[in-house]
């Protein structure tokens, strides 16, 4: 693996000269024509994802793990390969370091610090591959050199990261959201007895507001297997009941007299929740 340090040489200001035909206009059509950037592969071995967008010769791809990205370069032109802000560069390797100048630099600071890998070919008609490894992912690129139509810059969007961030934000919002709204303290009834086994997930208490029943568990419920809830009828037969999990609460959209939480196969743990008369002595847990 070879990494050529040529940042100083690559940072010399350079001007990308556009093809004169790119800005040509016609008397019949005053719409400015812009030469589109090269985004396709040079051969069938390159797996190029759908282009996210481009601004003249600046290309933006959605990142996909395992994809190979095609990068068009030109002599006397520097192509900037920009990584994700906050991403730390580990190594850069190329198949041809004799006829390509490859270096890196950074922009920004703190969380917005961004690494840029800079590439420039010595002549037209060259091709090689480039592998960039970071603390987050690996980039695979195919480099080709042409007389013109070079990419000025290449960067990525990261749909998977955006999805993970959205899920985290949703989970955080749900964690601080109230279990229920529109409930008055005077409407709450705590006349429920909890008995049976004592697993780590055994609920602290149960209560209702006249319409819904709430079962409060310890915080360890989120890190272990959650027990299903069964309603027990007068004949002792148990049936699964629909409920929602809100943080460390089970919310059942009905009232019940007897319910059981059951978990396990051979040695089943059973915790019974029973509604009792207000002020009855057997309201205490057992």
Protein backbone atom coordinates (compact mmCIF):
# COMPACT_ATOMS: atom_id res chain seq x y z
CA UNK A 1 0.00 0.00 0.00
CA UNK A 2 1.58 3.29 -1.08
CA UNK A 3 0.49 6.78 -0.22
CA UNK A 4 2.18 9.70 -1.98
CA UNK A 5 2.27 12.95 -0.01
CA UNK A 6 1.78 15.63 -2.62
CA UNK A 7 -0.66 17.98 -0.96
CA UNK A 8 1.43 21.10 -1.53
CA UNK A 9 1.71 20.50 -5.27
CA UNK A 10 -1.98 19.78 -5.62
CA UNK A 11 -3.11 22.90 -3.81
CA UNK A 12 -1.58 25.24 -6.46
CA UNK A 13 -4.55 27.22 -7.84
CA UNK A 14 -5.74 25.91 -11.16
CA UNK A 15 -8.47 26.94 -13.58
CA UNK A 16 -10.80 24.40 -15.16
CA UNK A 17 -11.33 25.48 -18.72
CA UNK A 18 -14.74 24.53 -20.02
CA UNK A 19 -15.35 23.49 -23.58
CA UNK A 20 -16.37 26.53 -25.63
CA UNK A 21 -19.41 24.67 -26.84
CA UNK A 22 -20.65 24.27 -23.28
CA UNK A 23 -21.85 27.86 -23.10
CA UNK A 24 -22.87 28.23 -26.75
CA UNK A 25 -26.30 29.57 -27.55
CA UNK A 26 -28.40 29.38 -30.67
CA UNK A 27 -30.52 32.19 -32.18
CA UNK A 28 -33.46 29.79 -32.09
CA UNK A 29 -32.77 28.50 -28.59
CA UNK A 30 -31.43 30.85 -25.96
CA UNK A 31 -31.16 28.08 -23.36
CA UNK A 32 -27.58 27.67 -22.15
CA UNK A 33 -26.22 24.18 -22.81
CA UNK A 34 -23.94 22.70 -20.17
CA UNK A 35 -21.78 19.70 -20.94
CA UNK A 36 -22.95 16.97 -18.51
CA UNK A 37 -20.38 15.42 -16.17
CA UNK A 38 -19.09 11.94 -16.89
CA UNK A 39 -20.72 9.57 -14.44
CA UNK A 40 -20.70 6.19 -16.23
CA UNK A 41 -18.21 3.37 -15.98
CA UNK A 42 -15.53 2.78 -18.57
CA UNK A 43 -16.24 -0.93 -18.60
CA UNK A 44 -18.83 -3.35 -17.35
CA UNK A 45 -16.84 -4.22 -14.23
CA UNK A 46 -17.73 -0.99 -12.48
CA UNK A 47 -20.82 -1.00 -10.29
CA UNK A 48 -21.94 2.62 -10.38
CA UNK A 49 -25.05 3.57 -8.33
CA UNK A 50 -27.65 6.05 -9.52
CA UNK A 51 -26.33 9.60 -9.40
CA UNK A 52 -27.78 11.70 -6.59
CA UNK A 53 -27.11 15.00 -8.32
CA UNK A 54 -24.51 17.19 -9.94
CA UNK A 55 -23.58 20.82 -10.42
CA UNK A 56 -21.54 21.14 -13.62
CA UNK A 57 -18.51 18.84 -13.11
CA UNK A 58 -19.15 18.36 -9.37
CA UNK A 59 -20.61 14.90 -8.75
CA UNK A 60 -22.67 13.67 -5.77
CA UNK A 61 -23.40 9.95 -5.29
CA UNK A 62 -25.49 8.15 -2.66
CA UNK A 63 -23.02 5.93 -0.82
CA UNK A 64 -23.54 2.17 -1.13
CA UNK A 65 -21.25 -0.32 0.54
CA UNK A 66 -19.36 -2.37 -2.07
CA UNK A 67 -20.09 -0.02 -5.01
CA UNK A 68 -17.27 1.10 -7.30
CA UNK A 69 -17.36 4.76 -8.33
CA UNK A 70 -15.99 6.06 -11.63
CA UNK A 71 -13.95 9.26 -11.46
CA UNK A 72 -12.95 11.17 -14.63
CA UNK A 73 -9.78 13.25 -14.32
CA UNK A 74 -7.53 15.25 -16.65
CA UNK A 75 -3.87 16.31 -16.69
CA UNK A 76 -3.17 19.65 -15.03
CA UNK A 77 -6.53 19.39 -13.23
CA UNK A 78 -7.03 18.46 -9.57
CA UNK A 79 -10.06 16.33 -8.71
CA UNK A 80 -11.24 16.67 -5.12
CA UNK A 81 -12.72 13.54 -3.49
CA UNK A 82 -14.48 14.84 -0.37
CA UNK A 83 -15.33 12.45 2.48
CA UNK A 84 -18.09 12.79 5.07
CA UNK A 85 -17.64 15.58 7.64
CA UNK A 86 -16.18 14.13 10.84
CA UNK A 87 -14.86 11.03 9.02
CA UNK A 88 -11.22 10.18 9.81
CA UNK A 89 -8.93 9.04 7.02
CA UNK A 90 -7.02 5.82 7.74
CA UNK A 91 -5.20 5.06 4.46
CA UNK A 92 -5.19 5.72 0.71
CA UNK A 93 -3.88 3.12 -1.78
CA UNK A 94 -3.63 3.22 -5.56
CA UNK A 95 -2.64 0.68 -8.17
CA UNK A 96 -0.46 3.22 -10.02
CA UNK A 97 1.47 5.73 -7.93
CA UNK A 98 4.11 6.46 -10.59
CA UNK A 99 1.82 8.26 -13.06
CA UNK A 100 -0.68 9.71 -10.60
CA UNK A 101 -0.21 12.35 -7.90
CA UNK A 102 -2.35 11.50 -4.88
CA UNK A 103 -2.48 13.50 -1.66
CA UNK A 104 -4.89 14.58 1.03
CA UNK A 105 -5.82 17.67 3.02
CA UNK A 106 -8.58 18.80 5.36
CA UNK A 107 -11.07 21.63 5.67
CA UNK A 108 -13.21 22.86 8.54
CA UNK A 109 -12.70 22.10 12.21
CA UNK A 110 -14.11 20.08 15.12
CA UNK A 111 -17.20 18.07 14.10
CA UNK A 112 -17.24 19.70 10.65
CA UNK A 113 -13.62 18.78 9.88
CA UNK A 114 -13.59 17.16 6.44
CA UNK A 115 -10.93 15.12 4.64
CA UNK A 116 -10.26 15.67 0.93
CA UNK A 117 -8.32 13.17 -1.18
CA UNK A 118 -6.79 15.00 -4.17
CA UNK A 119 -5.84 13.20 -7.40
CA UNK A 120 -4.16 14.34 -10.62
CA UNK A 121 -2.88 12.26 -13.60
CA UNK A 122 0.35 13.02 -15.43
CA UNK A 123 -1.06 12.29 -18.91
CA UNK A 124 -4.16 11.34 -20.92
CA UNK A 125 -5.31 7.73 -21.31
CA UNK A 126 -4.35 6.48 -17.85
CA UNK A 127 -6.51 4.32 -15.60
CA UNK A 128 -6.07 2.85 -12.14
CA UNK A 129 -8.05 2.08 -9.03
CA UNK A 130 -8.12 3.88 -5.68
CA UNK A 131 -9.08 2.50 -2.27
CA UNK A 132 -9.81 4.90 0.59
CA UNK A 133 -10.31 3.49 4.09
CA UNK A 134 -11.68 5.55 6.98
CA UNK A 135 -12.94 4.97 10.50
CA UNK A 136 -16.47 4.56 9.09
CA UNK A 137 -16.30 2.83 5.69
CA UNK A 138 -14.25 1.87 2.63
CA UNK A 139 -14.48 3.66 -0.73
CA UNK A 140 -13.60 1.94 -4.02
CA UNK A 141 -12.98 4.13 -7.08
CA UNK A 142 -11.88 3.69 -10.70
CA UNK A 143 -9.77 6.61 -11.97
CA UNK A 144 -9.44 7.47 -15.67
CA UNK A 145 -7.68 10.40 -17.31
CA UNK A 146 -9.00 12.29 -20.34
CA UNK A 147 -8.11 15.37 -22.31
CA UNK A 148 -11.14 17.26 -20.95
CA UNK A 149 -14.44 16.82 -19.06
CA UNK A 150 -12.71 16.16 -15.74
CA UNK A 151 -14.67 16.07 -12.53
CA UNK A 152 -13.80 19.01 -10.32
CA UNK A 153 -15.07 17.27 -7.19
CA UNK A 154 -16.76 14.11 -6.00
CA UNK A 155 -18.68 13.57 -2.75
CA UNK A 156 -21.42 11.38 -1.32
CA UNK A 157 -24.68 11.48 0.55
CA UNK A 158 -25.23 8.79 3.20
CA UNK A 159 -28.85 7.55 3.21
CA UNK A 160 -28.14 4.80 5.77
CA UNK A 161 -26.72 7.30 8.26
CA UNK A 162 -29.73 9.55 7.76
CA UNK A 163 -32.08 6.61 8.42
CA UNK A 164 -30.22 5.66 11.62
CA UNK A 165 -30.31 9.28 12.82
CA UNK A 166 -34.06 9.45 12.11
CA UNK A 167 -34.69 6.25 14.08
CA UNK A 168 -32.65 7.56 17.01
CA UNK A 169 -34.52 10.86 16.99
CA UNK A 170 -37.85 9.04 16.87
CA UNK A 171 -36.84 6.75 19.76
CA UNK A 172 -35.67 9.73 21.81
CA UNK A 173 -38.95 11.55 21.18
CA UNK A 174 -40.96 8.49 22.19
CA UNK A 175 -38.89 8.08 25.35
CA UNK A 176 -39.81 11.54 26.63
CA UNK A 177 -43.40 11.46 25.39
CA UNK A 178 -46.09 10.95 28.04
CA UNK A 179 -47.60 7.48 28.34
CA UNK A 180 -51.06 8.97 27.89
CA UNK A 181 -52.60 12.44 27.67
CA UNK A 182 -55.79 13.93 29.01
CA UNK A 183 -55.74 11.88 32.22
CA UNK A 184 -56.65 13.48 35.56
CA UNK A 185 -55.15 12.15 38.77
CA UNK A 186 -58.61 11.78 40.34
CA UNK A 187 -59.55 9.32 37.60
CA UNK A 188 -56.74 6.87 38.37
CA UNK A 189 -57.44 3.63 40.22
CA UNK A 190 -54.56 1.66 41.76
CA UNK A 191 -56.60 -1.24 43.14
CA UNK A 192 -54.51 -3.99 41.52
CA UNK A 193 -52.55 -6.75 43.26
CA UNK A 194 -49.34 -8.16 41.73
CA UNK A 195 -48.41 -11.72 42.78
CA UNK A 196 -46.55 -14.81 41.58
CA UNK A 197 -42.91 -15.20 40.53
CA UNK A 198 -40.30 -12.48 40.97
CA UNK A 199 -38.34 -12.20 37.70
CA UNK A 200 -36.31 -9.09 36.95
CA UNK A 201 -39.12 -7.80 34.75
CA UNK A 202 -41.83 -8.14 37.44
CA UNK A 203 -44.00 -5.00 37.25
CA UNK A 204 -44.10 -2.49 40.12
CA UNK A 205 -47.82 -1.85 39.88
CA UNK A 206 -50.88 -1.58 37.66
CA UNK A 207 -53.56 1.10 37.49
CA UNK A 208 -56.35 2.30 35.21
CA UNK A 209 -58.17 5.51 34.30
CA UNK A 210 -61.56 3.89 33.79
CA UNK A 211 -60.83 3.14 30.13
CA UNK A 212 -57.26 1.91 29.85
CA UNK A 213 -55.04 -0.20 32.08
CA UNK A 214 -51.37 0.69 32.60
CA UNK A 215 -48.76 -1.80 33.82
CA UNK A 216 -45.52 -0.23 35.06
CA UNK A 217 -42.29 -2.24 34.74
CA UNK A 218 -38.72 -1.60 35.92
CA UNK A 219 -36.32 0.05 33.48
CA UNK A 220 -34.66 -3.35 32.83
CA UNK A 221 -37.63 -4.25 30.63
CA UNK A 222 -35.90 -2.45 27.74
CA UNK A 223 -32.75 -4.61 27.90
CA UNK A 224 -34.32 -8.05 28.22
CA UNK A 225 -37.05 -10.16 26.72
CA UNK A 226 -40.50 -8.66 27.34
CA UNK A 227 -43.21 -11.03 28.62
CA UNK A 228 -46.48 -11.32 26.67
CA UNK A 229 -49.71 -10.42 28.45
CA UNK A 230 -52.66 -12.83 28.75
CA UNK A 231 -56.15 -12.14 30.04
CA UNK A 232 -57.59 -14.88 32.26
CA UNK A 233 -61.36 -15.42 32.16
CA UNK A 234 -63.65 -16.85 34.84
CA UNK A 235 -62.89 -20.42 33.72
CA UNK A 236 -59.16 -19.90 34.11
CA UNK A 237 -58.49 -19.89 30.37
CA UNK A 238 -55.87 -17.44 29.14
CA UNK A 239 -55.92 -15.51 25.89
CA UNK A 240 -53.41 -13.08 24.43
CA UNK A 241 -54.55 -9.46 24.52
CA UNK A 242 -53.46 -6.54 22.37
CA UNK A 243 -51.37 -3.91 24.14
CA UNK A 244 -48.87 -1.18 23.35
CA UNK A 245 -45.43 -0.69 24.82
CA UNK A 246 -44.69 2.91 25.81
CA UNK A 247 -41.27 3.08 27.41
CA UNK A 248 -41.54 0.89 30.52
CA UNK A 249 -45.34 0.73 30.44
CA UNK A 250 -47.78 -1.70 28.88
CA UNK A 251 -50.95 0.11 27.82
CA UNK A 252 -54.07 -2.05 27.43
CA UNK A 253 -57.08 -0.34 25.82
CA UNK A 254 -59.54 -1.98 28.18
CA UNK A 255 -60.09 -2.95 31.81
CA UNK A 256 -59.64 -6.50 33.10
CA UNK A 257 -60.11 -8.45 36.30
CA UNK A 258 -57.23 -10.90 36.00
CA UNK A 259 -54.21 -10.95 33.70
CA UNK A 260 -50.96 -12.87 33.65
CA UNK A 261 -47.50 -12.12 32.30
CA UNK A 262 -45.84 -15.34 31.15
CA UNK A 263 -42.33 -15.93 29.89
CA UNK A 264 -40.36 -19.13 29.29
CA UNK A 265 -40.97 -22.62 28.00
CA UNK A 266 -39.82 -25.42 30.33
CA UNK A 267 -39.71 -23.30 33.47
CA UNK A 268 -42.31 -20.66 32.81
CA UNK A 269 -42.29 -17.53 34.92
CA UNK A 270 -45.79 -16.26 35.70
CA UNK A 271 -46.78 -12.96 37.31
CA UNK A 272 -50.48 -12.40 38.01
CA UNK A 273 -52.18 -9.01 38.04
CA UNK A 274 -55.60 -8.94 39.67
CA UNK A 275 -58.04 -6.12 40.17
CA UNK A 276 -59.42 -6.01 43.71
CA UNK A 277 -61.99 -3.92 45.52
CA UNK A 278 -60.90 -0.47 46.65
CA UNK A 279 -59.34 -0.70 50.12
CA UNK A 280 -59.36 -4.51 50.17
CA UNK A 281 -56.55 -6.05 52.29
CA UNK A 282 -55.41 -8.39 49.49
CA UNK A 283 -54.41 -5.39 47.43
CA UNK A 284 -50.90 -5.84 48.74
CA UNK A 285 -48.35 -7.61 46.59
CA UNK A 286 -47.48 -11.20 47.36
